[in-house]
C-alpha atoms as a PDB file:
ATOM      1  CA  GLY A   1      -0.296   0.258  -0.512  1.00  0.00           C
ATOM      2  CA  SER A   2       0.609   3.469  -0.216  1.00  0.00           C
ATOM      3  CA  LEU A   3       0.841   6.470   1.949  1.00  0.00           C
ATOM      4  CA  CYS A   4       0.276   9.691   1.402  1.00  0.00           C
ATOM      5  CA  LEU A   5       0.394  13.036   4.150  1.00  0.00           C
ATOM      6  CA  ASN A   6       0.216  16.230   2.771  1.00  0.00           C
ATOM      7  CA  ALA A   7      -0.114  19.722   5.069  1.00  0.00           C
ATOM      8  CA  ALA A   8       0.074  23.319   4.019  1.00  0.00           C
ATOM      9  CA  GLN A   9      -0.677  26.714   5.270  1.00  0.00           C
ATOM     10  CA  SER A  10      -1.268  30.399   3.108  1.00  0.00           C
ATOM     11  CA  VAL A  11      -2.123  33.635   3.613  1.00  0.00           C
ATOM     12  CA  GLN A  12      -4.174  35.490   0.747  1.00  0.00           C
ATOM     13  CA  PRO A  13      -5.068  38.862   0.249  1.00  0.00           C
ATOM     14  CA  THR A  14      -9.174  39.264   0.088  1.00  0.00           C
ATOM     15  CA  ALA A  15     -11.418  41.350  -1.505  1.00  0.00           C
ATOM     16  CA  PHE A  16     -12.063  43.337   1.014  1.00  0.00           C
ATOM     17  CA  GLY A  17      -8.803  44.580   2.138  1.00  0.00           C
ATOM     18  CA  THR A  18      -8.176  41.803   4.813  1.00  0.00           C
ATOM     19  CA  ILE A  19      -5.970  38.581   5.433  1.00  0.00           C
ATOM     20  CA  SER A  20      -7.131  34.912   5.418  1.00  0.00           C
ATOM     21  CA  THR A  21      -4.821  31.948   6.483  1.00  0.00           C
ATOM     22  CA  VAL A  22      -5.539  28.945   4.843  1.00  0.00           C
ATOM     23  CA  THR A  23      -4.836  25.838   6.919  1.00  0.00           C
ATOM     24  CA  THR A  24      -4.966  22.470   5.298  1.00  0.00           C
ATOM     25  CA  GLY A  25      -4.059  18.706   5.882  1.00  0.00           C
ATOM     26  CA  SER A  26      -4.540  15.324   4.219  1.00  0.00           C
ATOM     27  CA  VAL A  27      -3.932  11.646   5.162  1.00  0.00           C
ATOM     28  CA  THR A  28      -4.598   8.987   1.599  1.00  0.00           C
ATOM     29  CA  TYR A  29      -3.983   5.154   2.001  1.00  0.00           C
ATOM     30  CA  ASP A  30      -4.159   3.336  -1.195  1.00  0.00           C
ATOM     31  CA  MET A  31      -4.505  -0.538  -1.406  1.00  0.00           C
ATOM     32  CA  ARG A  32      -3.615  -3.751  -3.789  1.00  0.00           C
ATOM     33  CA  VAL A  33      -5.847  -5.944  -2.364  1.00  0.00           C
ATOM     34  CA  SER A  34      -5.997  -8.592  -5.249  1.00  0.00           C
ATOM     35  CA  GLN A  35      -4.598  -8.368  -8.597  1.00  0.00           C
ATOM     36  CA  ARG A  36      -8.562  -7.409  -9.822  1.00  0.00           C
ATOM     37  CA  ASP A  37      -9.285  -5.367  -6.843  1.00  0.00           C
ATOM     38  CA  SER A  38      -7.638  -2.022  -5.232  1.00  0.00           C
ATOM     39  CA  ILE A  39      -9.364  -0.203  -2.281  1.00  0.00           C
ATOM     40  CA  GLY A  40      -8.405   3.672  -1.023  1.00  0.00           C
ATOM     41  CA  PHE A  41      -9.440   5.877   2.585  1.00  0.00           C
ATOM     42  CA  ASN A  42      -8.779   9.639   2.641  1.00  0.00           C
ATOM     43  CA  LEU A  43      -9.296  12.114   5.479  1.00  0.00           C
ATOM     44  CA  GLY A  44      -9.136  15.869   4.905  1.00  0.00           C
ATOM     45  CA  LEU A  45      -9.590  18.964   6.966  1.00  0.00           C
ATOM     46  CA  ASN A  46      -9.181  22.716   5.652  1.00  0.00           C
ATOM     47  CA  ARG A  47      -9.538  25.858   7.563  1.00  0.00           C
ATOM     48  CA  VAL A  48      -9.882  29.412   6.976  1.00  0.00           C
ATOM     49  CA  ASN A  49      -9.713  32.297   9.375  1.00  0.00           C
ATOM     50  CA  ASN A  50      -9.848  35.648   8.236  1.00  0.00           C
ATOM     51  CA  ASP A  51      -8.658  38.524  10.670  1.00  0.00           C
ATOM     52  CA  ALA A  52     -11.333  40.801  10.606  1.00  0.00           C
ATOM     53  CA  ASP A  53     -15.072  40.372  11.557  1.00  0.00           C
ATOM     54  CA  LEU A  54     -16.901  40.035   8.418  1.00  0.00           C
ATOM     55  CA  ALA A  55     -20.765  38.758   9.748  1.00  0.00           C
ATOM     56  CA  SER A  56     -22.471  42.284   8.435  1.00  0.00           C
ATOM     57  CA  LEU A  57     -21.838  40.930   5.263  1.00  0.00           C
ATOM     58  CA  SER A  58     -22.686  37.317   5.842  1.00  0.00           C
ATOM     59  CA  ILE A  59     -19.067  36.033   5.477  1.00  0.00           C
ATOM     60  CA  PRO A  60     -17.702  33.827   8.345  1.00  0.00           C
ATOM     61  CA  ARG A  61     -15.040  34.723  10.180  1.00  0.00           C
ATOM     62  CA  SER A  62     -13.877  31.449  10.099  1.00  0.00           C
ATOM     63  CA  PHE A  63     -14.771  27.383   8.666  1.00  0.00           C
ATOM     64  CA  ARG A  64     -13.883  24.630   8.823  1.00  0.00           C
ATOM     65  CA  TYR A  65     -14.430  21.716   6.207  1.00  0.00           C
ATOM     66  CA  TYR A  66     -13.742  17.877   7.060  1.00  0.00           C
ATOM     67  CA  SER A  67     -13.914  14.941   4.678  1.00  0.00           C
ATOM     68  CA  ALA A  68     -13.753  11.242   4.751  1.00  0.00           C
ATOM     69  CA  GLY A  69     -13.841   8.916   2.148  1.00  0.00           C
ATOM     70  CA  THR A  70     -13.690   5.360   1.004  1.00  0.00           C
ATOM     71  CA  ASN A  71     -13.333   4.203  -3.014  1.00  0.00           C
ATOM     72  CA  TRP A  72     -13.013   0.416  -4.033  1.00  0.00           C
ATOM     73  CA  SER A  73     -11.411  -0.464  -7.621  1.00  0.00           C
ATOM     74  CA  HIS A  74     -11.998  -3.780  -9.241  1.00  0.00           C
ATOM     75  CA  ASN A  75     -10.473  -4.664 -12.915  1.00  0.00           C
ATOM     76  CA  PHE A  76     -12.955  -6.627 -14.416  1.00  0.00           C
ATOM     77  CA  GLY A  77     -11.033  -8.150 -17.733  1.00  0.00           C
ATOM     78  CA  ARG A  78      -8.760  -6.126 -20.175  1.00  0.00           C
ATOM     79  CA  ARG A  79     -11.114  -3.356 -21.406  1.00  0.00           C
ATOM     80  CA  LEU A  80     -13.585  -3.230 -18.517  1.00  0.00           C
ATOM     81  CA  PHE A  81     -13.438  -1.305 -15.183  1.00  0.00           C
ATOM     82  CA  GLY A  82     -15.344  -0.162 -12.347  1.00  0.00           C
ATOM     83  CA  SER A  83     -15.378   1.230  -9.123  1.00  0.00           C
ATOM     84  CA  VAL A  84     -17.412   2.796  -6.377  1.00  0.00           C
ATOM     85  CA  SER A  85     -16.689   5.557  -4.279  1.00  0.00           C
ATOM     86  CA  ALA A  86     -18.087   6.773  -0.879  1.00  0.00           C
ATOM     87  CA  ALA A  87     -17.492  10.345   0.805  1.00  0.00           C
ATOM     88  CA  TYR A  88     -18.449  11.959   3.989  1.00  0.00           C
ATOM     89  CA  SER A  89     -17.709  15.955   4.756  1.00  0.00           C
ATOM     90  CA  ARG A  90     -19.002  18.620   7.111  1.00  0.00           C
ATOM     91  CA  VAL A  91     -18.629  22.289   6.911  1.00  0.00           C
ATOM     92  CA  ASP A  92     -18.734  24.402  10.401  1.00  0.00           C
ATOM     93  CA  ASP A  93     -18.285  28.089   9.923  1.00  0.00           C
ATOM     94  CA  THR A  94     -19.433  30.966  12.390  1.00  0.00           C
ATOM     95  CA  PHE A  95     -23.480  30.774  10.520  1.00  0.00           C
ATOM     96  CA  ARG A  96     -24.101  27.015  10.487  1.00  0.00           C
ATOM     97  CA  THR A  97     -23.198  23.142   9.838  1.00  0.00           C
ATOM     98  CA  THR A  98     -23.203  21.191   6.914  1.00  0.00           C
ATOM     99  CA  ASN A  99     -23.012  18.002   6.368  1.00  0.00           C
ATOM    100  CA  GLY A 100     -23.071  16.086   3.265  1.00  0.00           C
ATOM    101  CA  PHE A 101     -23.047  12.270   1.950  1.00  0.00           C
ATOM    102  CA  THR A 102     -22.238  11.347  -1.199  1.00  0.00           C
ATOM    103  CA  LEU A 103     -22.470   7.326  -3.000  1.00  0.00           C
ATOM    104  CA  SER A 104     -20.753   7.419  -6.533  1.00  0.00           C
ATOM    105  CA  ALA A 105     -20.274   4.381  -9.060  1.00  0.00           C
ATOM    106  CA  ARG A 106     -18.332   4.052 -11.929  1.00  0.00           C
ATOM    107  CA  LEU A 107     -18.153   1.734 -14.804  1.00  0.00           C
ATOM    108  CA  GLN A 108     -15.405   2.717 -17.997  1.00  0.00           C
ATOM    109  CA  VAL A 109     -14.573   0.097 -21.073  1.00  0.00           C
ATOM    110  CA  ARG A 110     -11.458   0.832 -22.795  1.00  0.00           C
ATOM    111  CA  PHE A 111     -11.858   0.857 -26.933  1.00  0.00           C
ATOM    112  CA  GLY A 112      -9.403   0.461 -29.400  1.00  0.00           C
ATOM    113  CA  ALA A 113      -5.796  -1.783 -29.982  1.00  0.00           C
ATOM    114  CA  ILE A 114      -4.851  -2.724 -26.024  1.00  0.00           C
ATOM    115  CA  SER A 115      -0.686  -3.316 -26.991  1.00  0.00           C
END
């Protein structure tokens, strides 16, 4: 399997003449479980902090975005592949909390000559 860790922080000016500090971090792990199957997992966190209170403009002073997901991929043959993914996300800001869930399936067919 492979493990990937990412982290970053940046300071960005905004259109309102303020400064936002953006902090991100993620962990991803992928593993082949058989000759035809692989699975993967990921976790992420993004945080934005504004240096000024912009609540009068309905802009949160800070927010956090959390995400977690998993996927499974299968090779059905030389020309047919498929995958299923599920993910959860959550956004917390000054005004509200929003949760989301996605489930997706993909089928891919390869055309043409295969070498």
